[in-house]
Amino acid sequence: MVGILITMVMLVASAPAAEIPDWVSRAKAGEIGWADGEIIFGVGKAPKMANPSLQRDVAGNRARAMLPRAANIPGAAEIQLSEIIDRWETDDGTFYALARVERSNIKPLR
């Protein structure tokens, strides 16, 4: 029984860490938004918080806030039909969110 437990602990301890998604690596390198044709992407992050639900919301809201910037729209903009398509939490508890929207759903406010 003890041998099985030790083996299980060794397997868990030696398991490879999950691979960081490409979009998180891009964000860590300073690229917080980009366009792929008519699709716009934005990345938001939130530091570790006592309230995980709030942390997810903050990261998602920040990702959506990056969409107009990634679309090269100066000033304020109205964004419709954006969605959070991926999330990632780092080992230090930082939470990342990836937002996506079609360019036609971002309208500059005048």
N, C-alpha and C. Protein backbone atom coordinates (compact mmCIF):
# COMPACT_ATOMS: atom_id res chain seq x y z
N MET A 1 0.83 -1.20 0.00
CA MET A 1 0.00 0.00 0.00
C MET A 1 0.87 1.26 0.00
N VAL A 2 1.88 1.31 0.87
CA VAL A 2 2.76 2.46 0.93
C VAL A 2 3.54 2.60 -0.38
N GLY A 3 3.95 1.46 -0.96
CA GLY A 3 4.68 1.49 -2.22
C GLY A 3 3.84 2.06 -3.35
N ILE A 4 2.55 1.72 -3.36
CA ILE A 4 1.65 2.25 -4.39
C ILE A 4 1.49 3.75 -4.23
N LEU A 5 1.33 4.21 -2.98
CA LEU A 5 1.18 5.63 -2.71
C LEU A 5 2.42 6.40 -3.13
N ILE A 6 3.60 5.87 -2.81
CA ILE A 6 4.85 6.53 -3.19
C ILE A 6 4.98 6.59 -4.71
N THR A 7 4.61 5.52 -5.40
CA THR A 7 4.66 5.50 -6.86
C THR A 7 3.72 6.54 -7.44
N MET A 8 2.51 6.65 -6.88
CA MET A 8 1.55 7.63 -7.37
C MET A 8 2.06 9.05 -7.16
N VAL A 9 2.65 9.32 -6.01
CA VAL A 9 3.21 10.64 -5.73
C VAL A 9 4.33 10.96 -6.70
N MET A 10 5.17 9.99 -7.00
CA MET A 10 6.27 10.20 -7.93
C MET A 10 5.74 10.48 -9.34
N LEU A 11 4.70 9.79 -9.75
CA LEU A 11 4.12 10.01 -11.06
C LEU A 11 3.53 11.41 -11.18
N VAL A 12 2.82 11.85 -10.16
CA VAL A 12 2.21 13.18 -10.16
C VAL A 12 3.31 14.24 -10.14
N ALA A 13 4.32 14.06 -9.33
CA ALA A 13 5.40 15.04 -9.22
C ALA A 13 6.20 15.14 -10.51
N SER A 14 6.29 14.06 -11.26
CA SER A 14 7.08 14.10 -12.49
C SER A 14 6.25 14.38 -13.73
N ALA A 15 4.94 14.59 -13.57
CA ALA A 15 4.08 14.86 -14.72
C ALA A 15 4.48 16.19 -15.34
N PRO A 16 4.52 16.26 -16.66
CA PRO A 16 4.90 17.52 -17.31
C PRO A 16 3.84 18.59 -17.09
N ALA A 17 4.28 19.83 -16.96
CA ALA A 17 3.35 20.94 -16.82
C ALA A 17 2.60 21.13 -18.14
N ALA A 18 1.37 21.59 -18.03
CA ALA A 18 0.58 21.84 -19.24
C ALA A 18 1.29 22.89 -20.10
N GLU A 19 1.24 22.69 -21.39
CA GLU A 19 1.90 23.61 -22.30
C GLU A 19 1.14 24.93 -22.37
N ILE A 20 1.88 26.02 -22.30
CA ILE A 20 1.28 27.36 -22.34
C ILE A 20 0.75 27.60 -23.76
N PRO A 21 -0.51 28.04 -23.87
CA PRO A 21 -1.06 28.33 -25.19
C PRO A 21 -0.28 29.45 -25.89
N ASP A 22 -0.28 29.41 -27.21
CA ASP A 22 0.43 30.40 -28.00
C ASP A 22 -0.04 31.82 -27.70
N TRP A 23 -1.35 32.01 -27.54
CA TRP A 23 -1.87 33.36 -27.30
C TRP A 23 -1.42 33.92 -25.97
N VAL A 24 -1.18 33.06 -24.96
CA VAL A 24 -0.65 33.53 -23.66
C VAL A 24 0.81 33.94 -23.85
N SER A 25 1.57 33.15 -24.59
CA SER A 25 2.97 33.50 -24.86
C SER A 25 3.05 34.83 -25.59
N ARG A 26 2.17 35.05 -26.56
CA ARG A 26 2.14 36.32 -27.29
C ARG A 26 1.86 37.47 -26.34
N ALA A 27 0.90 37.27 -25.43
CA ALA A 27 0.55 38.33 -24.47
C ALA A 27 1.71 38.62 -23.52
N LYS A 28 2.38 37.59 -23.06
CA LYS A 28 3.53 37.78 -22.17
C LYS A 28 4.64 38.55 -22.87
N ALA A 29 4.71 38.42 -24.19
CA ALA A 29 5.73 39.13 -24.98
C ALA A 29 5.27 40.55 -25.31
N GLY A 30 4.08 40.95 -24.86
CA GLY A 30 3.62 42.31 -25.07
C GLY A 30 2.58 42.48 -26.16
N GLU A 31 2.22 41.40 -26.83
CA GLU A 31 1.22 41.47 -27.91
C GLU A 31 -0.16 41.18 -27.32
N ILE A 32 -0.90 42.24 -26.99
CA ILE A 32 -2.17 42.06 -26.28
C ILE A 32 -3.38 42.06 -27.20
N GLY A 33 -3.15 42.20 -28.49
CA GLY A 33 -4.25 42.16 -29.43
C GLY A 33 -3.72 42.04 -30.85
N TRP A 34 -4.49 41.38 -31.70
CA TRP A 34 -4.08 41.21 -33.09
C TRP A 34 -5.30 40.88 -33.93
N ALA A 35 -5.12 41.03 -35.23
CA ALA A 35 -6.19 40.72 -36.17
C ALA A 35 -5.76 39.54 -37.03
N ASP A 36 -6.73 38.71 -37.35
CA ASP A 36 -6.51 37.61 -38.28
C ASP A 36 -7.62 37.73 -39.31
N GLY A 37 -7.35 38.50 -40.35
CA GLY A 37 -8.39 38.80 -41.33
C GLY A 37 -9.45 39.68 -40.70
N GLU A 38 -10.68 39.22 -40.72
CA GLU A 38 -11.79 39.99 -40.16
C GLU A 38 -12.08 39.65 -38.69
N ILE A 39 -11.27 38.78 -38.11
CA ILE A 39 -11.44 38.40 -36.71
C ILE A 39 -10.39 39.13 -35.87
N ILE A 40 -10.86 39.76 -34.78
CA ILE A 40 -10.00 40.52 -33.88
C ILE A 40 -9.89 39.76 -32.57
N PHE A 41 -8.67 39.70 -32.03
CA PHE A 41 -8.42 39.03 -30.75
C PHE A 41 -7.84 40.02 -29.75
N GLY A 42 -8.21 39.86 -28.49
CA GLY A 42 -7.65 40.67 -27.42
C GLY A 42 -7.39 39.79 -26.21
N VAL A 43 -6.32 40.10 -25.49
CA VAL A 43 -5.96 39.33 -24.30
C VAL A 43 -6.01 40.23 -23.08
N GLY A 44 -6.61 39.73 -22.03
CA GLY A 44 -6.63 40.44 -20.75
C GLY A 44 -6.07 39.54 -19.68
N LYS A 45 -5.53 40.15 -18.63
CA LYS A 45 -5.02 39.34 -17.53
C LYS A 45 -5.40 39.97 -16.21
N ALA A 46 -5.45 39.14 -15.19
CA ALA A 46 -5.76 39.59 -13.84
C ALA A 46 -4.84 38.86 -12.88
N PRO A 47 -4.29 39.58 -11.91
CA PRO A 47 -3.43 38.92 -10.93
C PRO A 47 -4.26 38.01 -10.03
N LYS A 48 -3.59 37.16 -9.31
CA LYS A 48 -4.27 36.25 -8.38
C LYS A 48 -5.10 37.06 -7.40
N MET A 49 -6.33 36.62 -7.19
CA MET A 49 -7.26 37.30 -6.29
C MET A 49 -7.88 36.27 -5.34
N ALA A 50 -8.38 36.76 -4.23
CA ALA A 50 -9.05 35.88 -3.27
C ALA A 50 -10.36 35.34 -3.85
N ASN A 51 -10.97 36.09 -4.76
CA ASN A 51 -12.24 35.69 -5.37
C ASN A 51 -11.98 35.25 -6.81
N PRO A 52 -11.92 33.94 -7.09
CA PRO A 52 -11.63 33.45 -8.44
C PRO A 52 -12.65 33.90 -9.49
N SER A 53 -13.92 34.02 -9.10
CA SER A 53 -14.95 34.46 -10.04
C SER A 53 -14.69 35.90 -10.48
N LEU A 54 -14.34 36.75 -9.55
CA LEU A 54 -14.00 38.14 -9.86
C LEU A 54 -12.76 38.19 -10.75
N GLN A 55 -11.78 37.36 -10.46
CA GLN A 55 -10.56 37.32 -11.25
C GLN A 55 -10.86 36.96 -12.71
N ARG A 56 -11.72 35.99 -12.93
CA ARG A 56 -12.10 35.60 -14.30
C ARG A 56 -12.82 36.75 -15.01
N ASP A 57 -13.73 37.42 -14.28
CA ASP A 57 -14.45 38.56 -14.87
C ASP A 57 -13.50 39.69 -15.24
N VAL A 58 -12.56 40.00 -14.37
CA VAL A 58 -11.61 41.09 -14.63
C VAL A 58 -10.78 40.76 -15.87
N ALA A 59 -10.26 39.54 -15.95
CA ALA A 59 -9.46 39.15 -17.12
C ALA A 59 -10.30 39.23 -18.40
N GLY A 60 -11.53 38.76 -18.35
CA GLY A 60 -12.40 38.80 -19.51
C GLY A 60 -12.75 40.22 -19.94
N ASN A 61 -13.05 41.09 -18.97
CA ASN A 61 -13.35 42.48 -19.28
C ASN A 61 -12.14 43.19 -19.88
N ARG A 62 -10.97 42.90 -19.37
CA ARG A 62 -9.76 43.51 -19.91
C ARG A 62 -9.48 43.01 -21.32
N ALA A 63 -9.77 41.75 -21.58
CA ALA A 63 -9.58 41.21 -22.94
C ALA A 63 -10.52 41.91 -23.92
N ARG A 64 -11.77 42.08 -23.53
CA ARG A 64 -12.73 42.77 -24.39
C ARG A 64 -12.33 44.23 -24.61
N ALA A 65 -11.75 44.86 -23.58
CA ALA A 65 -11.31 46.25 -23.71
C ALA A 65 -10.16 46.40 -24.71
N MET A 66 -9.42 45.33 -24.97
CA MET A 66 -8.31 45.38 -25.92
C MET A 66 -8.76 45.25 -27.37
N LEU A 67 -9.99 44.82 -27.61
CA LEU A 67 -10.44 44.57 -28.98
C LEU A 67 -10.40 45.80 -29.88
N PRO A 68 -10.91 46.96 -29.45
CA PRO A 68 -10.82 48.13 -30.34
C PRO A 68 -9.37 48.53 -30.64
N ARG A 69 -8.54 48.42 -29.66
CA ARG A 69 -7.12 48.74 -29.84
C ARG A 69 -6.49 47.80 -30.87
N ALA A 70 -6.82 46.52 -30.78
CA ALA A 70 -6.29 45.54 -31.73
C ALA A 70 -6.83 45.78 -33.14
N ALA A 71 -8.01 46.39 -33.23
CA ALA A 71 -8.61 46.70 -34.53
C ALA A 71 -8.16 48.07 -35.04
N ASN A 72 -7.24 48.70 -34.32
CA ASN A 72 -6.73 50.04 -34.68
C ASN A 72 -7.83 51.09 -34.74
N ILE A 73 -8.76 51.02 -33.79
CA ILE A 73 -9.82 52.02 -33.69
C ILE A 73 -9.44 52.97 -32.55
N PRO A 74 -9.17 54.24 -32.88
CA PRO A 74 -8.79 55.19 -31.83
C PRO A 74 -10.01 55.60 -30.99
N GLY A 75 -9.79 55.87 -29.73
CA GLY A 75 -10.87 56.33 -28.86
C GLY A 75 -11.82 55.22 -28.47
N ALA A 76 -13.00 55.64 -28.03
CA ALA A 76 -14.00 54.69 -27.54
C ALA A 76 -14.70 53.99 -28.69
N ALA A 77 -15.17 52.79 -28.40
CA ALA A 77 -15.87 52.01 -29.42
C ALA A 77 -16.96 51.17 -28.77
N GLU A 78 -17.97 50.88 -29.56
CA GLU A 78 -19.03 49.96 -29.14
C GLU A 78 -18.69 48.59 -29.69
N ILE A 79 -18.72 47.60 -28.81
CA ILE A 79 -18.39 46.23 -29.21
C ILE A 79 -19.62 45.37 -29.00
N GLN A 80 -20.01 44.64 -30.04
CA GLN A 80 -21.15 43.74 -29.94
C GLN A 80 -20.71 42.33 -30.30
N LEU A 81 -21.33 41.37 -29.64
CA LEU A 81 -21.14 39.94 -29.95
C LEU A 81 -19.71 39.45 -29.76
N SER A 82 -18.99 40.03 -28.82
CA SER A 82 -17.66 39.49 -28.51
C SER A 82 -17.85 38.29 -27.59
N GLU A 83 -16.85 37.43 -27.58
CA GLU A 83 -16.92 36.26 -26.73
C GLU A 83 -15.54 35.92 -26.18
N ILE A 84 -15.53 35.33 -25.01
CA ILE A 84 -14.29 34.81 -24.44
C ILE A 84 -14.17 33.38 -24.94
N ILE A 85 -13.10 33.12 -25.70
CA ILE A 85 -12.98 31.81 -26.33
C ILE A 85 -11.97 30.89 -25.63
N ASP A 86 -11.16 31.46 -24.74
CA ASP A 86 -10.21 30.61 -24.01
C ASP A 86 -9.77 31.32 -22.74
N ARG A 87 -9.32 30.53 -21.78
CA ARG A 87 -8.81 31.05 -20.50
C ARG A 87 -7.61 30.21 -20.10
N TRP A 88 -6.72 30.83 -19.32
CA TRP A 88 -5.52 30.13 -18.87
C TRP A 88 -5.07 30.71 -17.54
N GLU A 89 -4.71 29.84 -16.61
CA GLU A 89 -4.16 30.28 -15.33
C GLU A 89 -2.73 29.79 -15.22
N THR A 90 -1.82 30.71 -14.90
CA THR A 90 -0.41 30.35 -14.78
C THR A 90 -0.12 29.78 -13.40
N ASP A 91 1.07 29.26 -13.24
CA ASP A 91 1.47 28.66 -11.95
C ASP A 91 1.42 29.67 -10.81
N ASP A 92 1.66 30.96 -11.11
CA ASP A 92 1.64 31.97 -10.05
C ASP A 92 0.24 32.51 -9.77
N GLY A 93 -0.77 31.98 -10.44
CA GLY A 93 -2.15 32.38 -10.20
C GLY A 93 -2.66 33.49 -11.10
N THR A 94 -1.82 34.01 -12.00
CA THR A 94 -2.28 35.03 -12.94
C THR A 94 -3.26 34.38 -13.92
N PHE A 95 -4.34 35.06 -14.19
CA PHE A 95 -5.39 34.52 -15.04
C PHE A 95 -5.45 35.30 -16.34
N TYR A 96 -5.45 34.61 -17.47
CA TYR A 96 -5.52 35.22 -18.79
C TYR A 96 -6.83 34.83 -19.46
N ALA A 97 -7.36 35.75 -20.27
CA ALA A 97 -8.57 35.46 -21.05
C ALA A 97 -8.34 35.95 -22.48
N LEU A 98 -8.86 35.20 -23.44
CA LEU A 98 -8.76 35.54 -24.86
C LEU A 98 -10.15 35.87 -25.39
N ALA A 99 -10.31 37.11 -25.88
CA ALA A 99 -11.59 37.54 -26.45
C ALA A 99 -11.49 37.55 -27.97
N ARG A 100 -12.65 37.38 -28.60
CA ARG A 100 -12.72 37.33 -30.07
C ARG A 100 -13.97 38.08 -30.51
N VAL A 101 -13.84 38.81 -31.64
CA VAL A 101 -14.98 39.49 -32.22
C VAL A 101 -14.72 39.69 -33.70
N GLU A 102 -15.77 39.73 -34.48
CA GLU A 102 -15.63 40.06 -35.90
C GLU A 102 -15.47 41.58 -36.03
N ARG A 103 -14.60 42.01 -36.94
CA ARG A 103 -14.32 43.44 -37.11
C ARG A 103 -15.60 44.25 -37.32
N SER A 104 -16.57 43.70 -38.03
CA SER A 104 -17.82 44.42 -38.31
C SER A 104 -18.64 44.69 -37.06
N ASN A 105 -18.32 44.05 -35.94
CA ASN A 105 -19.04 44.24 -34.68
C ASN A 105 -18.36 45.22 -33.74
N ILE A 106 -17.37 45.97 -34.25
CA ILE A 106 -16.73 47.03 -33.47
C ILE A 106 -17.02 48.34 -34.20
N LYS A 107 -17.72 49.23 -33.51
CA LYS A 107 -18.10 50.52 -34.11
C LYS A 107 -17.48 51.66 -33.30
N PRO A 108 -16.73 52.56 -33.96
CA PRO A 108 -16.19 53.73 -33.24
C PRO A 108 -17.33 54.61 -32.76
N LEU A 109 -17.18 55.17 -31.56
CA LEU A 109 -18.15 56.14 -31.05
C LEU A 109 -17.70 57.53 -31.46
N ARG A 110 -18.59 58.31 -31.97
CA ARG A 110 -18.21 59.66 -32.44
C ARG A 110 -18.89 60.71 -31.61
